[in-house]
Protein backbone atom coordinates (compact mmCIF):
# COMPACT_ATOMS: atom_id res chain seq x y z
CA UNK A 1 -86.75 -277.12 -139.76
CA UNK A 2 -90.22 -277.52 -140.79
CA UNK A 3 -91.29 -276.21 -144.36
CA UNK A 4 -92.81 -273.17 -143.13
CA UNK A 5 -89.70 -272.26 -141.40
CA UNK A 6 -87.41 -273.01 -144.40
CA UNK A 7 -89.88 -270.79 -146.41
CA UNK A 8 -89.32 -267.98 -144.24
CA UNK A 9 -85.26 -268.37 -144.19
CA UNK A 10 -85.54 -268.23 -148.30
CA UNK A 11 -88.19 -265.32 -148.35
CA UNK A 12 -85.09 -263.76 -145.32
CA UNK A 13 -82.33 -264.30 -147.93
CA UNK A 14 -83.76 -263.07 -150.72
CA UNK A 15 -84.66 -259.73 -149.11
CA UNK A 16 -81.44 -259.69 -147.62
CA UNK A 17 -79.74 -260.12 -151.38
CA UNK A 18 -81.99 -257.56 -152.83
CA UNK A 19 -80.81 -255.05 -150.28
CA UNK A 20 -77.29 -255.55 -150.69
CA UNK A 21 -77.86 -255.63 -154.44
CA UNK A 22 -79.15 -251.85 -154.41
CA UNK A 23 -77.82 -249.97 -151.37
CA UNK A 24 -74.95 -248.70 -153.62
CA UNK A 25 -76.79 -247.44 -156.37
CA UNK A 26 -79.56 -245.50 -154.95
CA UNK A 27 -78.80 -241.86 -154.98
CA UNK A 28 -79.22 -239.29 -151.94
CA UNK A 29 -80.62 -242.44 -149.99
CA UNK A 30 -80.21 -240.97 -146.42
CA UNK A 31 -83.03 -238.17 -147.50
CA UNK A 32 -86.08 -238.64 -145.42
CA UNK A 33 -89.93 -238.38 -146.60
CA UNK A 34 -90.90 -234.96 -147.41
CA UNK A 35 -87.28 -233.45 -146.08
CA UNK A 36 -86.78 -230.09 -147.29
CA UNK A 37 -83.14 -229.09 -148.15
CA UNK A 38 -82.54 -225.47 -148.82
CA UNK A 39 -80.21 -224.97 -151.92
CA UNK A 40 -77.42 -222.83 -150.03
CA UNK A 41 -74.64 -223.55 -152.80
CA UNK A 42 -73.37 -219.73 -153.81
CA UNK A 43 -72.01 -221.33 -157.26
CA UNK A 44 -71.11 -218.88 -159.92
CA UNK A 45 -69.44 -219.66 -163.01
CA UNK A 46 -66.09 -217.87 -163.61
CA UNK A 47 -64.60 -217.05 -167.10
CA UNK A 48 -61.14 -219.08 -167.76
CA UNK A 49 -58.37 -218.79 -170.00
CA UNK A 50 -59.49 -220.29 -173.47
CA UNK A 51 -62.88 -219.76 -173.22
CA UNK A 52 -64.86 -218.46 -176.06
CA UNK A 53 -67.25 -215.66 -174.79
CA UNK A 54 -70.18 -214.22 -177.18
CA UNK A 55 -71.09 -210.44 -176.06
CA UNK A 56 -73.48 -208.84 -177.71
CA UNK A 57 -73.99 -204.74 -177.05
CA UNK A 58 -77.28 -203.07 -178.05
CA UNK A 59 -78.86 -199.80 -177.29
CA UNK A 60 -81.98 -197.68 -178.40
CA UNK A 61 -79.55 -196.24 -181.32
CA UNK A 62 -78.22 -199.41 -183.09
CA UNK A 63 -75.87 -197.14 -184.76
CA UNK A 64 -74.06 -195.89 -182.02
CA UNK A 65 -73.68 -199.84 -180.77
CA UNK A 66 -72.62 -201.04 -183.73
CA UNK A 67 -68.86 -200.45 -183.44
CA UNK A 68 -69.08 -202.55 -180.47
CA UNK A 69 -70.12 -205.52 -182.02
CA UNK A 70 -67.94 -207.52 -184.17
CA UNK A 71 -69.60 -209.56 -187.41
CA UNK A 72 -67.84 -211.95 -189.77
CA UNK A 73 -68.52 -211.05 -193.47
CA UNK A 74 -72.21 -211.07 -194.66
CA UNK A 75 -71.07 -212.54 -198.23
CA UNK A 76 -69.67 -216.28 -198.71
CA UNK A 77 -69.27 -218.07 -202.24
CA UNK A 78 -70.91 -215.28 -203.76
CA UNK A 79 -74.15 -215.58 -201.95
CA UNK A 80 -76.10 -213.71 -199.46
CA UNK A 81 -75.20 -215.08 -195.80
CA UNK A 82 -76.34 -213.47 -192.41
CA UNK A 83 -73.77 -211.89 -190.64
CA UNK A 84 -72.44 -214.32 -187.73
CA UNK A 85 -71.08 -212.44 -184.28
CA UNK A 86 -67.31 -213.04 -183.60
CA UNK A 87 -66.71 -214.82 -179.95
CA UNK A 88 -63.80 -213.37 -178.22
CA UNK A 89 -61.38 -215.79 -177.00
CA UNK A 90 -59.88 -215.63 -173.34
CA UNK A 91 -56.10 -215.37 -173.82
CA UNK A 92 -53.38 -216.72 -171.74
CA UNK A 93 -53.52 -213.40 -169.89
CA UNK A 94 -57.01 -213.66 -168.99
CA UNK A 95 -57.97 -210.99 -171.16
CA UNK A 96 -60.25 -210.18 -174.04
CA UNK A 97 -59.66 -207.54 -176.88
CA UNK A 98 -62.90 -205.61 -177.15
CA UNK A 99 -63.70 -203.09 -179.99
CA UNK A 100 -63.24 -199.69 -179.24
CA UNK A 101 -62.05 -199.90 -175.52
CA UNK A 102 -59.20 -202.57 -176.23
CA UNK A 103 -57.64 -205.30 -173.43
CA UNK A 104 -60.17 -206.21 -170.62
CA UNK A 105 -59.37 -208.69 -168.13
CA UNK A 106 -62.22 -211.26 -167.47
CA UNK A 107 -60.58 -214.07 -166.23
CA UNK A 108 -62.15 -214.77 -162.54
CA UNK A 109 -65.34 -213.05 -163.09
CA UNK A 110 -68.38 -214.10 -163.62
CA UNK A 111 -70.94 -213.07 -166.26
CA UNK A 112 -72.60 -210.43 -164.16
CA UNK A 113 -69.40 -209.08 -162.79
CA UNK A 114 -68.14 -208.92 -166.70
CA UNK A 115 -71.63 -206.83 -167.86
CA UNK A 116 -70.98 -204.50 -164.83
CA UNK A 117 -67.35 -203.91 -166.06
CA UNK A 118 -68.09 -203.71 -169.70
CA UNK A 119 -71.13 -200.85 -168.35
CA UNK A 120 -68.18 -198.87 -166.58
CA UNK A 121 -66.36 -199.11 -169.72
CA UNK A 122 -68.67 -198.27 -172.23
CA UNK A 123 -70.26 -195.36 -170.00
CA UNK A 124 -68.46 -192.50 -172.05
CA UNK A 125 -69.69 -193.90 -175.44
CA UNK A 126 -72.96 -195.24 -175.08
CA UNK A 127 -76.14 -194.87 -172.71
CA UNK A 128 -77.79 -197.61 -170.89
CA UNK A 129 -76.08 -200.56 -173.03
CA UNK A 130 -77.89 -203.95 -172.73
CA UNK A 131 -75.14 -206.47 -172.74
CA UNK A 132 -75.72 -210.20 -173.38
CA UNK A 133 -72.96 -212.60 -172.50
CA UNK A 134 -72.77 -216.17 -172.98
CA UNK A 135 -70.10 -218.86 -172.70
CA UNK A 136 -70.05 -220.45 -176.23
CA UNK A 137 -67.47 -223.46 -175.35
CA UNK A 138 -69.04 -224.82 -171.99
CA UNK A 139 -68.40 -228.27 -172.28
CA UNK A 140 -68.23 -231.22 -169.83
CA UNK A 141 -66.52 -234.72 -169.89
CA UNK A 142 -68.28 -237.73 -168.44
CA UNK A 143 -65.66 -240.84 -168.28
CA UNK A 144 -65.53 -244.18 -166.81
CA UNK A 145 -68.57 -246.19 -165.74
CA UNK A 146 -71.42 -244.47 -167.54
CA UNK A 147 -73.80 -245.68 -170.33
CA UNK A 148 -72.76 -243.33 -172.74
CA UNK A 149 -69.33 -241.40 -172.05
CA UNK A 150 -68.26 -238.27 -173.85
CA UNK A 151 -67.77 -234.85 -174.25
CA UNK A 152 -70.60 -232.62 -174.03
CA UNK A 153 -72.07 -229.22 -174.70
CA UNK A 154 -73.91 -227.47 -172.47
CA UNK A 155 -76.27 -225.01 -172.94
CA UNK A 156 -76.42 -221.77 -170.28
CA UNK A 157 -74.10 -220.58 -167.50
CA UNK A 158 -74.42 -223.74 -165.21
CA UNK A 159 -75.26 -227.60 -164.57
CA UNK A 160 -75.39 -229.95 -162.21
CA UNK A 161 -73.62 -233.02 -161.77
CA UNK A 162 -76.43 -235.05 -161.89
CA UNK A 163 -77.58 -233.40 -165.03
CA UNK A 164 -74.64 -233.87 -166.32
CA UNK A 165 -74.83 -237.69 -165.74
CA UNK A 166 -78.47 -237.61 -167.18
CA UNK A 167 -76.41 -236.49 -170.45
CA UNK A 168 -74.13 -239.67 -170.06
CA UNK A 169 -77.15 -242.11 -169.69
CA UNK A 170 -76.60 -242.18 -165.88
CA UNK A 171 -73.95 -244.23 -163.94
CA UNK A 172 -74.29 -248.26 -164.69
CA UNK A 173 -74.62 -250.51 -162.66
CA UNK A 174 -70.98 -251.42 -162.20
CA UNK A 175 -70.05 -247.76 -160.92
CA UNK A 176 -69.58 -246.40 -157.93
CA UNK A 177 -71.84 -243.44 -156.88
CA UNK A 178 -70.16 -242.86 -153.42
CA UNK A 179 -66.79 -241.93 -154.95
CA UNK A 180 -66.96 -239.42 -158.05
CA UNK A 181 -64.58 -237.53 -159.13
CA UNK A 182 -64.72 -234.27 -160.50
CA UNK A 183 -61.20 -232.92 -161.98
CA UNK A 184 -61.03 -228.90 -162.46
CA UNK A 185 -58.81 -226.73 -163.61
CA UNK A 186 -57.76 -223.71 -161.97
CA UNK A 187 -55.42 -221.63 -163.94
CA UNK A 188 -53.61 -224.48 -165.40
CA UNK A 189 -53.46 -226.08 -162.02
CA UNK A 190 -55.71 -229.56 -161.82
CA UNK A 191 -57.49 -229.71 -158.86
CA UNK A 192 -59.22 -233.19 -158.01
CA UNK A 193 -62.54 -233.26 -155.86
CA UNK A 194 -64.58 -236.29 -154.86
CA UNK A 195 -68.19 -236.30 -154.20
CA UNK A 196 -70.57 -239.18 -152.58
CA UNK A 197 -73.74 -239.25 -154.47
CA UNK A 198 -75.40 -241.88 -152.05
CA UNK A 199 -75.85 -238.65 -149.89
CA UNK A 200 -77.59 -235.85 -149.78
CA UNK A 201 -74.77 -234.01 -148.56
CA UNK A 202 -73.54 -234.10 -152.01
CA UNK A 203 -76.01 -231.21 -153.05
CA UNK A 204 -73.79 -228.94 -150.56
CA UNK A 205 -70.42 -229.97 -152.59
CA UNK A 206 -68.42 -227.40 -154.37
CA UNK A 207 -68.35 -229.44 -156.99
CA UNK A 208 -72.20 -230.47 -157.32
CA UNK A 209 -72.50 -227.24 -160.03
CA UNK A 210 -70.08 -228.26 -162.62
CA UNK A 211 -67.98 -225.41 -164.86
CA UNK A 212 -66.68 -225.56 -168.09
CA UNK A 213 -64.43 -228.20 -168.99
CA UNK A 214 -64.74 -230.03 -165.77
CA UNK A 215 -64.18 -234.07 -166.04
CA UNK A 216 -66.17 -236.32 -164.04
CA UNK A 217 -64.81 -239.88 -163.58
CA UNK A 218 -67.03 -242.73 -162.40
CA UNK A 219 -64.69 -245.52 -160.91
CA UNK A 220 -66.13 -249.03 -161.08
CA UNK A 221 -66.51 -251.15 -158.33
CA UNK A 222 -63.78 -253.68 -157.06
CA UNK A 223 -65.07 -256.63 -158.46
CA UNK A 224 -65.90 -255.18 -161.75
CA UNK A 225 -68.15 -258.44 -162.05
CA UNK A 226 -71.42 -257.67 -159.68
CA UNK A 227 -74.40 -258.14 -162.30
CA UNK A 228 -72.40 -256.92 -164.91
CA UNK A 229 -75.70 -255.32 -166.68
CA UNK A 230 -79.45 -254.97 -166.39
CA UNK A 231 -80.23 -258.32 -168.17
CA UNK A 232 -78.13 -260.22 -165.58
CA UNK A 233 -80.03 -258.33 -162.70
CA UNK A 234 -83.31 -259.08 -164.65
CA UNK A 235 -82.25 -262.85 -164.70
CA UNK A 236 -81.42 -262.91 -161.12
CA UNK A 237 -84.95 -261.22 -159.92
CA UNK A 238 -86.63 -263.77 -162.21
CA UNK A 239 -84.91 -266.56 -160.65
CA UNK A 240 -85.52 -265.41 -157.33
CA UNK A 241 -89.48 -264.59 -157.78
CA UNK A 242 -89.68 -268.12 -159.21
CA UNK A 243 -88.06 -270.08 -156.45
CA UNK A 244 -90.30 -267.86 -154.08
CA UNK A 245 -93.37 -269.26 -156.13
CA UNK A 246 -91.98 -272.82 -156.27
CA UNK A 247 -91.76 -272.98 -152.49
CA UNK A 248 -94.88 -271.10 -152.07
CA UNK A 249 -96.61 -274.10 -154.29
CA UNK A 250 -95.01 -276.88 -152.21
CA UNK A 251 -96.14 -275.15 -148.74
CA UNK A 252 -99.71 -274.97 -149.75
CA UNK A 253 -99.77 -278.59 -151.64
CA UNK A 254 -98.29 -280.31 -148.47
CA UNK A 255 -100.84 -278.32 -146.01
């Protein structure tokens, strides 16, 4: 085998190694250039038992709506404090104890459905009430082969699994992206779902949008030793580059 063939062989091996080392860490790798994916995921967050829910009712007449809003005391330790609104706990029966109205079952309802229910209940007392609802204890837990595992508070009513992984510093080089587990609680029953983040079909998964208290577990790869961190990958890349440069210099010198 002459020197040129040897050099071509070295380059081919390097390219094959490079492809093999990255194919398992690329998200949505089957998505093509300028491909348009319509998000037809109909996910809507639903209230669960043990949720803390903030509900504020307002009207053009503040005195009329005041009885439907609960606040903690305005003074603490002799100092004047701004009143803090009380959050409602969804009890084991899926109900909250709302002022004046009493028990209301909201488990399994979305925030918009809960607003509609409250408007109906309040119609005998208020005219055109404005109702704001927010989950106060929306958290997701990210565990396994990520850079910053932990439990993260979420602002808003929904979050995608990709956004959640962003909080955790992304999956590290030892984590499997093709078999991510999402553990979800339904009425005390744990449901285990798996999602392949290497594929664009992940966007259609029922767990692509996370719900409050979901647990995301990133499984490590089988070897547990393949390029254990970015420093090792940098060293390997440097070694490959050095080999290519050296081989090229030899070829040019001998010619």
